[in-house]
């Protein structure tokens, strides 16, 4: 699922690929004035597409799948590759600071992201703006504490259904 077989019979990852993730990150960078370390980008990428996991937030762009919070663990490697795509194209800057390696938008970030026109892009723009307003003011420790406190809840609303289904087939 989420793969396309090409003429050469190789499989190309379509969903949550480094390219798709890079485009999502572009919208995050474009709406924020802050620098981001990798962990904050992992959180923001998740919250961008699963915004309704946060109370009083806009509707999620992607479906509320069971155990979706595990995406944060899996997508970390994809986000690293996505950052490489953005850096190699000059769409974001790398900042070396006392905190470590961080990333920030540059002039090309806005110019490129404004060329993207689709209903999905508009949703990403809207959620990125909400994300920036809601979470940019939190320091890394506060954001981490808030996410960690809710991690087990996000996607666990399906646990009872899976447990019941598993009992039916046991």
N, C-alpha and C. Protein backbone atom coordinates (compact mmCIF):
# COMPACT_ATOMS: atom_id res chain seq x y z
N UNK A 1 0.84 -1.17 0.00
CA UNK A 1 0.00 0.00 0.00
C UNK A 1 0.89 1.24 0.00
N UNK A 2 0.48 2.25 -0.77
CA UNK A 2 1.25 3.47 -0.80
C UNK A 2 2.49 3.38 -1.66
N UNK A 3 2.57 2.35 -2.50
CA UNK A 3 3.72 2.20 -3.38
C UNK A 3 3.23 2.07 -4.81
N UNK A 4 4.07 2.50 -5.73
CA UNK A 4 3.78 2.40 -7.15
C UNK A 4 4.91 1.60 -7.78
N UNK A 5 4.56 0.66 -8.63
CA UNK A 5 5.57 -0.10 -9.35
C UNK A 5 5.84 0.61 -10.67
N UNK A 6 7.10 0.90 -10.94
CA UNK A 6 7.49 1.61 -12.15
C UNK A 6 7.77 0.63 -13.28
N UNK A 7 8.06 1.16 -14.47
CA UNK A 7 8.35 0.32 -15.63
C UNK A 7 9.53 -0.60 -15.37
N UNK A 8 10.47 -0.17 -14.54
CA UNK A 8 11.64 -1.00 -14.25
C UNK A 8 11.36 -2.00 -13.12
N UNK A 9 10.10 -2.10 -12.72
CA UNK A 9 9.65 -3.04 -11.68
C UNK A 9 10.13 -2.68 -10.28
N UNK A 10 10.73 -1.50 -10.12
CA UNK A 10 11.12 -1.08 -8.78
C UNK A 10 9.94 -0.39 -8.11
N UNK A 11 9.92 -0.42 -6.82
CA UNK A 11 8.82 0.20 -6.08
C UNK A 11 9.23 1.58 -5.60
N UNK A 12 8.32 2.52 -5.79
CA UNK A 12 8.55 3.89 -5.37
C UNK A 12 7.56 4.19 -4.26
N UNK A 13 8.07 4.64 -3.13
CA UNK A 13 7.22 4.97 -2.00
C UNK A 13 6.51 6.28 -2.29
N UNK A 14 5.18 6.28 -2.18
CA UNK A 14 4.39 7.47 -2.50
C UNK A 14 4.01 8.22 -1.22
N UNK A 15 3.48 7.51 -0.26
CA UNK A 15 3.01 8.16 0.96
C UNK A 15 4.12 8.19 2.00
N UNK A 16 4.23 9.33 2.68
CA UNK A 16 5.26 9.55 3.69
C UNK A 16 6.67 9.32 3.14
N UNK A 17 6.85 9.62 1.88
CA UNK A 17 8.18 9.55 1.27
C UNK A 17 8.98 10.77 1.71
N UNK A 18 10.28 10.76 1.53
CA UNK A 18 11.06 11.96 1.85
C UNK A 18 10.58 13.20 1.08
N UNK A 19 10.14 13.03 -0.17
CA UNK A 19 9.66 14.17 -0.94
C UNK A 19 8.36 14.73 -0.37
N UNK A 20 7.39 13.86 -0.08
CA UNK A 20 6.13 14.33 0.50
C UNK A 20 6.37 14.98 1.85
N UNK A 21 7.21 14.37 2.66
CA UNK A 21 7.52 14.93 3.98
C UNK A 21 8.24 16.26 3.84
N UNK A 22 9.15 16.38 2.88
CA UNK A 22 9.85 17.65 2.63
C UNK A 22 8.85 18.75 2.29
N UNK A 23 7.87 18.43 1.49
CA UNK A 23 6.87 19.44 1.14
C UNK A 23 6.06 19.87 2.36
N UNK A 24 5.71 18.92 3.21
CA UNK A 24 5.00 19.27 4.46
C UNK A 24 5.87 20.16 5.33
N UNK A 25 7.15 19.79 5.47
CA UNK A 25 8.06 20.59 6.29
C UNK A 25 8.20 22.00 5.74
N UNK A 26 8.17 22.14 4.43
CA UNK A 26 8.26 23.47 3.83
C UNK A 26 7.17 24.39 4.36
N UNK A 27 5.96 23.87 4.46
CA UNK A 27 4.85 24.67 4.98
C UNK A 27 5.07 25.02 6.45
N UNK A 28 5.60 24.09 7.21
CA UNK A 28 5.90 24.35 8.62
C UNK A 28 6.94 25.47 8.74
N UNK A 29 8.03 25.35 7.99
CA UNK A 29 9.07 26.38 8.03
C UNK A 29 8.52 27.73 7.57
N UNK A 30 7.69 27.73 6.55
CA UNK A 30 7.20 28.97 5.98
C UNK A 30 6.36 29.79 6.97
N UNK A 31 5.63 29.13 7.83
CA UNK A 31 4.73 29.84 8.76
C UNK A 31 5.37 30.17 10.10
N UNK A 32 6.62 29.78 10.30
CA UNK A 32 7.25 29.98 11.60
C UNK A 32 8.54 30.79 11.47
N UNK A 33 8.78 31.65 12.44
CA UNK A 33 10.01 32.45 12.49
C UNK A 33 11.11 31.77 13.29
N UNK A 34 10.83 30.64 13.87
CA UNK A 34 11.78 30.00 14.78
C UNK A 34 12.72 29.04 14.05
N UNK A 35 13.75 28.62 14.76
CA UNK A 35 14.59 27.53 14.27
C UNK A 35 14.04 26.23 14.85
N UNK A 36 14.31 25.14 14.16
CA UNK A 36 13.79 23.83 14.57
C UNK A 36 14.92 22.84 14.70
N UNK A 37 14.91 22.09 15.79
CA UNK A 37 15.79 20.93 15.84
C UNK A 37 14.99 19.74 15.30
N UNK A 38 15.64 18.61 15.14
CA UNK A 38 14.98 17.45 14.55
C UNK A 38 13.77 17.01 15.36
N UNK A 39 13.88 16.99 16.68
CA UNK A 39 12.77 16.51 17.51
C UNK A 39 11.54 17.39 17.37
N UNK A 40 11.72 18.70 17.33
CA UNK A 40 10.58 19.60 17.17
C UNK A 40 9.93 19.36 15.80
N UNK A 41 10.73 19.11 14.79
CA UNK A 41 10.17 18.83 13.46
C UNK A 41 9.38 17.53 13.45
N UNK A 42 9.84 16.54 14.19
CA UNK A 42 9.10 15.28 14.31
C UNK A 42 7.72 15.55 14.92
N UNK A 43 7.70 16.34 16.00
CA UNK A 43 6.43 16.68 16.64
C UNK A 43 5.53 17.49 15.70
N UNK A 44 6.09 18.51 15.09
CA UNK A 44 5.31 19.38 14.21
C UNK A 44 4.77 18.62 13.00
N UNK A 45 5.57 17.75 12.42
CA UNK A 45 5.11 16.98 11.27
C UNK A 45 3.90 16.13 11.67
N UNK A 46 3.96 15.51 12.83
CA UNK A 46 2.84 14.70 13.31
C UNK A 46 1.61 15.58 13.56
N UNK A 47 1.80 16.67 14.29
CA UNK A 47 0.68 17.53 14.64
C UNK A 47 0.08 18.23 13.43
N UNK A 48 0.88 18.46 12.41
CA UNK A 48 0.38 19.08 11.19
C UNK A 48 -0.69 18.22 10.54
N UNK A 49 -0.47 16.93 10.47
CA UNK A 49 -1.42 16.05 9.77
C UNK A 49 -2.44 15.40 10.71
N UNK A 50 -2.15 15.41 12.01
CA UNK A 50 -3.08 14.84 12.99
C UNK A 50 -3.48 15.91 14.02
N UNK A 51 -3.82 17.07 13.52
CA UNK A 51 -4.11 18.22 14.39
C UNK A 51 -5.27 17.98 15.35
N UNK A 52 -6.26 17.21 14.95
CA UNK A 52 -7.41 17.03 15.84
C UNK A 52 -7.09 16.18 17.08
N UNK A 53 -5.87 15.69 17.18
CA UNK A 53 -5.45 15.04 18.42
C UNK A 53 -5.30 16.07 19.54
N UNK A 54 -5.20 17.34 19.17
CA UNK A 54 -5.08 18.43 20.14
C UNK A 54 -6.47 19.01 20.37
N UNK A 55 -6.88 19.21 21.63
CA UNK A 55 -8.21 19.78 21.90
C UNK A 55 -8.39 21.14 21.22
N UNK A 56 -9.58 21.37 20.70
CA UNK A 56 -9.97 22.63 20.07
C UNK A 56 -9.10 23.00 18.87
N UNK A 57 -8.58 22.01 18.19
CA UNK A 57 -7.72 22.24 17.02
C UNK A 57 -8.51 21.99 15.74
N UNK A 58 -7.95 22.42 14.62
CA UNK A 58 -8.62 22.13 13.34
C UNK A 58 -8.66 20.63 13.07
N UNK A 59 -9.53 20.26 12.17
CA UNK A 59 -9.69 18.85 11.79
C UNK A 59 -8.38 18.33 11.18
N UNK A 60 -8.07 17.09 11.48
CA UNK A 60 -6.86 16.45 10.93
C UNK A 60 -6.94 16.37 9.41
N UNK A 61 -5.79 16.50 8.78
CA UNK A 61 -5.70 16.37 7.33
C UNK A 61 -5.72 14.89 6.94
N UNK A 62 -5.01 14.07 7.70
CA UNK A 62 -4.95 12.63 7.43
C UNK A 62 -5.92 11.89 8.35
N UNK A 63 -6.23 10.68 7.98
CA UNK A 63 -7.18 9.87 8.74
C UNK A 63 -6.64 9.54 10.13
N UNK A 64 -7.56 9.43 11.07
CA UNK A 64 -7.19 9.03 12.43
C UNK A 64 -7.05 7.52 12.48
N UNK A 65 -5.86 7.05 12.22
CA UNK A 65 -5.59 5.62 12.20
C UNK A 65 -5.28 5.11 13.61
N UNK A 66 -5.53 3.84 13.85
CA UNK A 66 -5.17 3.27 15.16
C UNK A 66 -3.66 3.37 15.39
N UNK A 67 -3.31 3.66 16.61
CA UNK A 67 -1.91 3.71 17.03
C UNK A 67 -1.05 4.63 16.15
N UNK A 68 -1.67 5.72 15.70
CA UNK A 68 -0.98 6.65 14.80
C UNK A 68 0.19 7.37 15.45
N UNK A 69 0.22 7.44 16.77
CA UNK A 69 1.33 8.13 17.42
C UNK A 69 2.66 7.43 17.15
N UNK A 70 2.61 6.16 16.76
CA UNK A 70 3.85 5.44 16.40
C UNK A 70 4.52 6.05 15.18
N UNK A 71 3.76 6.84 14.41
CA UNK A 71 4.33 7.50 13.25
C UNK A 71 5.53 8.37 13.64
N UNK A 72 5.49 8.92 14.83
CA UNK A 72 6.60 9.79 15.26
C UNK A 72 7.91 9.03 15.31
N UNK A 73 7.85 7.78 15.71
CA UNK A 73 9.06 6.97 15.78
C UNK A 73 9.55 6.60 14.39
N UNK A 74 8.63 6.21 13.54
CA UNK A 74 8.97 5.75 12.20
C UNK A 74 9.41 6.91 11.31
N UNK A 75 8.73 8.04 11.42
CA UNK A 75 8.98 9.15 10.50
C UNK A 75 10.24 9.94 10.80
N UNK A 76 10.89 9.70 11.89
CA UNK A 76 12.12 10.43 12.23
C UNK A 76 13.17 10.26 11.12
N UNK A 77 13.36 9.04 10.66
CA UNK A 77 14.34 8.78 9.60
C UNK A 77 13.91 9.43 8.29
N UNK A 78 12.62 9.41 8.00
CA UNK A 78 12.11 10.03 6.78
C UNK A 78 12.30 11.55 6.85
N UNK A 79 12.10 12.12 8.03
CA UNK A 79 12.28 13.57 8.19
C UNK A 79 13.74 13.95 7.96
N UNK A 80 14.67 13.12 8.42
CA UNK A 80 16.09 13.40 8.15
C UNK A 80 16.35 13.44 6.65
N UNK A 81 15.78 12.50 5.91
CA UNK A 81 15.95 12.48 4.45
C UNK A 81 15.26 13.68 3.82
N UNK A 82 14.11 14.05 4.35
CA UNK A 82 13.38 15.21 3.83
C UNK A 82 14.19 16.49 4.03
N UNK A 83 14.84 16.61 5.18
CA UNK A 83 15.70 17.77 5.43
C UNK A 83 16.84 17.83 4.43
N UNK A 84 17.40 16.68 4.10
CA UNK A 84 18.47 16.62 3.10
C UNK A 84 17.97 17.13 1.75
N UNK A 85 16.76 16.75 1.38
CA UNK A 85 16.16 17.23 0.13
C UNK A 85 16.05 18.75 0.17
N UNK A 86 15.51 19.30 1.25
CA UNK A 86 15.31 20.75 1.34
C UNK A 86 16.63 21.51 1.35
N UNK A 87 17.60 21.00 2.08
CA UNK A 87 18.92 21.66 2.16
C UNK A 87 19.60 21.62 0.80
N UNK A 88 19.56 20.48 0.14
CA UNK A 88 20.24 20.33 -1.15
C UNK A 88 19.65 21.22 -2.23
N UNK A 89 18.42 21.65 -2.06
CA UNK A 89 17.77 22.53 -3.02
C UNK A 89 17.78 24.00 -2.57
N UNK A 90 18.43 24.25 -1.44
CA UNK A 90 18.53 25.62 -0.94
C UNK A 90 17.23 26.18 -0.41
N UNK A 91 16.31 25.29 0.03
CA UNK A 91 15.00 25.74 0.48
C UNK A 91 14.93 26.02 1.98
N UNK A 92 15.91 25.58 2.73
CA UNK A 92 16.04 25.92 4.15
C UNK A 92 17.52 26.10 4.46
N UNK A 93 17.80 26.71 5.60
CA UNK A 93 19.18 26.90 6.06
C UNK A 93 19.47 26.01 7.26
N UNK A 94 20.72 25.65 7.41
CA UNK A 94 21.20 24.90 8.58
C UNK A 94 21.86 25.90 9.51
N UNK A 95 21.54 25.79 10.80
CA UNK A 95 22.09 26.68 11.81
C UNK A 95 22.83 25.82 12.84
N UNK A 96 24.09 26.13 13.08
CA UNK A 96 24.87 25.42 14.09
C UNK A 96 24.93 26.31 15.32
N UNK A 97 24.38 25.82 16.42
CA UNK A 97 24.31 26.63 17.64
C UNK A 97 24.74 25.80 18.84
N UNK A 98 24.69 26.40 20.01
CA UNK A 98 25.01 25.68 21.25
C UNK A 98 24.03 24.53 21.49
N UNK A 99 22.82 24.66 20.97
CA UNK A 99 21.82 23.60 21.10
C UNK A 99 22.11 22.43 20.17
N UNK A 100 22.91 22.67 19.14
CA UNK A 100 23.20 21.62 18.16
C UNK A 100 22.82 22.09 16.77
N UNK A 101 22.42 21.15 15.94
CA UNK A 101 22.04 21.48 14.57
C UNK A 101 20.55 21.83 14.54
N UNK A 102 20.27 22.98 13.96
CA UNK A 102 18.89 23.42 13.80
C UNK A 102 18.68 23.87 12.37
N UNK A 103 17.42 24.05 12.03
CA UNK A 103 17.05 24.40 10.66
C UNK A 103 16.09 25.57 10.71
N UNK A 104 16.14 26.41 9.65
CA UNK A 104 15.22 27.55 9.60
C UNK A 104 14.90 27.88 8.15
N UNK A 105 13.84 28.62 8.00
CA UNK A 105 13.42 29.04 6.67
C UNK A 105 14.39 30.07 6.11
N UNK A 106 14.33 30.25 4.80
CA UNK A 106 15.07 31.32 4.15
C UNK A 106 14.15 31.94 3.10
N UNK A 107 14.64 32.84 2.31
CA UNK A 107 13.80 33.51 1.32
C UNK A 107 13.18 32.54 0.32
N UNK A 108 13.91 31.49 -0.03
CA UNK A 108 13.41 30.52 -1.00
C UNK A 108 12.26 29.68 -0.44
N UNK A 109 12.20 29.52 0.87
CA UNK A 109 11.14 28.71 1.50
C UNK A 109 9.77 29.25 1.12
N UNK A 110 9.58 30.55 1.35
CA UNK A 110 8.28 31.16 1.06
C UNK A 110 8.01 31.16 -0.44
N UNK A 111 9.00 31.55 -1.23
CA UNK A 111 8.79 31.63 -2.68
C UNK A 111 8.36 30.28 -3.25
N UNK A 112 9.02 29.22 -2.84
CA UNK A 112 8.70 27.90 -3.37
C UNK A 112 7.33 27.43 -2.87
N UNK A 113 7.07 27.57 -1.57
CA UNK A 113 5.81 27.04 -1.02
C UNK A 113 4.60 27.78 -1.58
N UNK A 114 4.76 29.04 -1.97
CA UNK A 114 3.64 29.79 -2.53
C UNK A 114 3.27 29.29 -3.93
N UNK A 115 4.16 28.59 -4.60
CA UNK A 115 3.86 28.03 -5.92
C UNK A 115 2.99 26.78 -5.84
N UNK A 116 2.91 26.18 -4.68
CA UNK A 116 2.15 24.94 -4.52
C UNK A 116 0.67 25.28 -4.34
N UNK A 117 -0.13 24.87 -5.30
CA UNK A 117 -1.56 25.20 -5.31
C UNK A 117 -2.38 23.92 -5.45
N UNK A 118 -3.03 23.56 -4.39
CA UNK A 118 -3.97 22.43 -4.40
C UNK A 118 -4.78 22.52 -3.12
N UNK A 119 -5.82 21.75 -3.03
CA UNK A 119 -6.61 21.77 -1.79
C UNK A 119 -5.77 21.23 -0.62
N UNK A 120 -4.93 20.24 -0.91
CA UNK A 120 -4.04 19.70 0.13
C UNK A 120 -3.05 20.76 0.60
N UNK A 121 -2.49 21.51 -0.34
CA UNK A 121 -1.56 22.59 0.02
C UNK A 121 -2.24 23.64 0.88
N UNK A 122 -3.47 23.97 0.55
CA UNK A 122 -4.20 24.97 1.34
C UNK A 122 -4.43 24.47 2.77
N UNK A 123 -4.75 23.19 2.90
CA UNK A 123 -4.92 22.61 4.24
C UNK A 123 -3.60 22.65 5.01
N UNK A 124 -2.50 22.34 4.32
CA UNK A 124 -1.19 22.40 4.97
C UNK A 124 -0.86 23.83 5.42
N UNK A 125 -1.18 24.80 4.58
CA UNK A 125 -0.95 26.21 4.95
C UNK A 125 -1.73 26.58 6.20
N UNK A 126 -3.02 26.22 6.21
CA UNK A 126 -3.88 26.54 7.34
C UNK A 126 -3.40 25.87 8.63
N UNK A 127 -3.09 24.57 8.54
CA UNK A 127 -2.64 23.84 9.73
C UNK A 127 -1.27 24.34 10.20
N UNK A 128 -0.41 24.71 9.26
CA UNK A 128 0.92 25.22 9.63
C UNK A 128 0.80 26.54 10.38
N UNK A 129 -0.13 27.36 9.95
CA UNK A 129 -0.34 28.63 10.65
C UNK A 129 -0.86 28.36 12.06
N UNK A 130 -1.83 27.46 12.18
CA UNK A 130 -2.35 27.08 13.50
C UNK A 130 -1.23 26.51 14.37
N UNK A 131 -0.43 25.64 13.79
CA UNK A 131 0.67 25.00 14.50
C UNK A 131 1.64 26.03 15.05
N UNK A 132 1.99 26.98 14.23
CA UNK A 132 2.91 28.04 14.64
C UNK A 132 2.32 28.86 15.79
N UNK A 133 1.07 29.26 15.64
CA UNK A 133 0.42 30.06 16.68
C UNK A 133 0.27 29.28 17.98
N UNK A 134 -0.01 28.00 17.88
CA UNK A 134 -0.26 27.17 19.06
C UNK A 134 1.01 26.69 19.77
N UNK A 135 2.07 26.39 19.01
CA UNK A 135 3.22 25.71 19.62
C UNK A 135 4.55 26.46 19.56
N UNK A 136 4.69 27.45 18.71
CA UNK A 136 5.97 28.17 18.62
C UNK A 136 6.36 28.84 19.93
N UNK A 137 5.39 29.25 20.69
CA UNK A 137 5.68 29.95 21.95
C UNK A 137 6.16 29.00 23.06
N UNK A 138 6.00 27.72 22.86
CA UNK A 138 6.45 26.74 23.86
C UNK A 138 7.92 26.42 23.64
N UNK A 139 8.65 26.32 24.75
CA UNK A 139 10.05 25.91 24.60
C UNK A 139 10.09 24.40 24.37
N UNK A 140 11.27 23.89 24.09
CA UNK A 140 11.41 22.47 23.75
C UNK A 140 10.93 21.55 24.87
N UNK A 141 11.23 21.91 26.10
CA UNK A 141 10.82 21.08 27.24
C UNK A 141 9.31 21.04 27.38
N UNK A 142 8.66 22.18 27.23
CA UNK A 142 7.20 22.23 27.34
C UNK A 142 6.53 21.42 26.23
N UNK A 143 7.03 21.59 25.02
CA UNK A 143 6.46 20.85 23.90
C UNK A 143 6.64 19.35 24.10
N UNK A 144 7.83 18.95 24.48
CA UNK A 144 8.12 17.54 24.70
C UNK A 144 7.23 16.97 25.81
N UNK A 145 7.08 17.70 26.89
CA UNK A 145 6.23 17.25 28.01
C UNK A 145 4.78 17.09 27.55
N UNK A 146 4.27 18.06 26.78
CA UNK A 146 2.88 17.99 26.31
C UNK A 146 2.66 16.82 25.36
N UNK A 147 3.59 16.61 24.46
CA UNK A 147 3.46 15.49 23.51
C UNK A 147 3.58 14.17 24.25
N UNK A 148 4.58 14.04 25.11
CA UNK A 148 4.78 12.79 25.85
C UNK A 148 3.58 12.45 26.71
N UNK A 149 2.92 13.46 27.27
CA UNK A 149 1.76 13.23 28.13
C UNK A 149 0.57 12.68 27.35
N UNK A 150 0.53 12.94 26.04
CA UNK A 150 -0.61 12.52 25.23
C UNK A 150 -0.31 11.40 24.25
N UNK A 151 0.94 11.04 24.14
CA UNK A 151 1.37 10.07 23.13
C UNK A 151 0.58 8.77 23.18
N UNK A 152 0.34 8.26 24.36
CA UNK A 152 -0.39 7.00 24.50
C UNK A 152 -1.87 7.12 24.16
N UNK A 153 -2.40 8.33 24.19
CA UNK A 153 -3.82 8.55 23.90
C UNK A 153 -4.09 8.62 22.41
N UNK A 154 -3.13 9.16 21.64
CA UNK A 154 -3.34 9.41 20.22
C UNK A 154 -3.37 8.11 19.45
N UNK A 155 -4.55 7.75 19.01
CA UNK A 155 -4.72 6.51 18.27
C UNK A 155 -5.15 5.36 19.14
N UNK A 156 -5.15 5.56 20.45
CA UNK A 156 -5.52 4.45 21.33
C UNK A 156 -7.03 4.30 21.45
N UNK A 157 -7.79 5.25 20.88
CA UNK A 157 -9.24 5.12 20.94
C UNK A 157 -9.72 3.88 20.19
N UNK A 158 -8.84 3.30 19.37
CA UNK A 158 -9.19 2.10 18.62
C UNK A 158 -8.79 0.83 19.35
N UNK A 159 -8.08 0.93 20.45
CA UNK A 159 -7.54 -0.24 21.14
C UNK A 159 -8.62 -1.23 21.55
N UNK A 160 -9.73 -0.73 22.06
CA UNK A 160 -10.81 -1.61 22.51
C UNK A 160 -11.35 -2.39 21.32
N UNK A 161 -11.52 -1.71 20.18
CA UNK A 161 -12.02 -2.39 18.99
C UNK A 161 -11.08 -3.51 18.56
N UNK A 162 -9.77 -3.26 18.56
CA UNK A 162 -8.81 -4.27 18.18
C UNK A 162 -8.77 -5.41 19.18
N UNK A 163 -8.86 -5.09 20.44
CA UNK A 163 -8.86 -6.13 21.46
C UNK A 163 -10.08 -7.04 21.28
N UNK A 164 -11.26 -6.44 21.02
CA UNK A 164 -12.47 -7.21 20.80
C UNK A 164 -12.35 -8.07 19.55
N UNK A 165 -11.78 -7.48 18.49
CA UNK A 165 -11.61 -8.22 17.24
C UNK A 165 -10.66 -9.39 17.43
N UNK A 166 -9.59 -9.17 18.16
CA UNK A 166 -8.61 -10.23 18.41
C UNK A 166 -9.25 -11.39 19.18
N UNK A 167 -10.12 -11.07 20.14
CA UNK A 167 -10.80 -12.12 20.91
C UNK A 167 -11.72 -12.94 20.02
N UNK A 168 -12.37 -12.30 19.02
CA UNK A 168 -13.25 -13.00 18.11
C UNK A 168 -12.52 -14.06 17.29
N UNK A 169 -11.24 -13.78 17.00
CA UNK A 169 -10.46 -14.70 16.15
C UNK A 169 -9.55 -15.61 16.96
N UNK A 170 -9.57 -15.49 18.27
CA UNK A 170 -8.68 -16.33 19.10
C UNK A 170 -9.26 -17.71 19.27
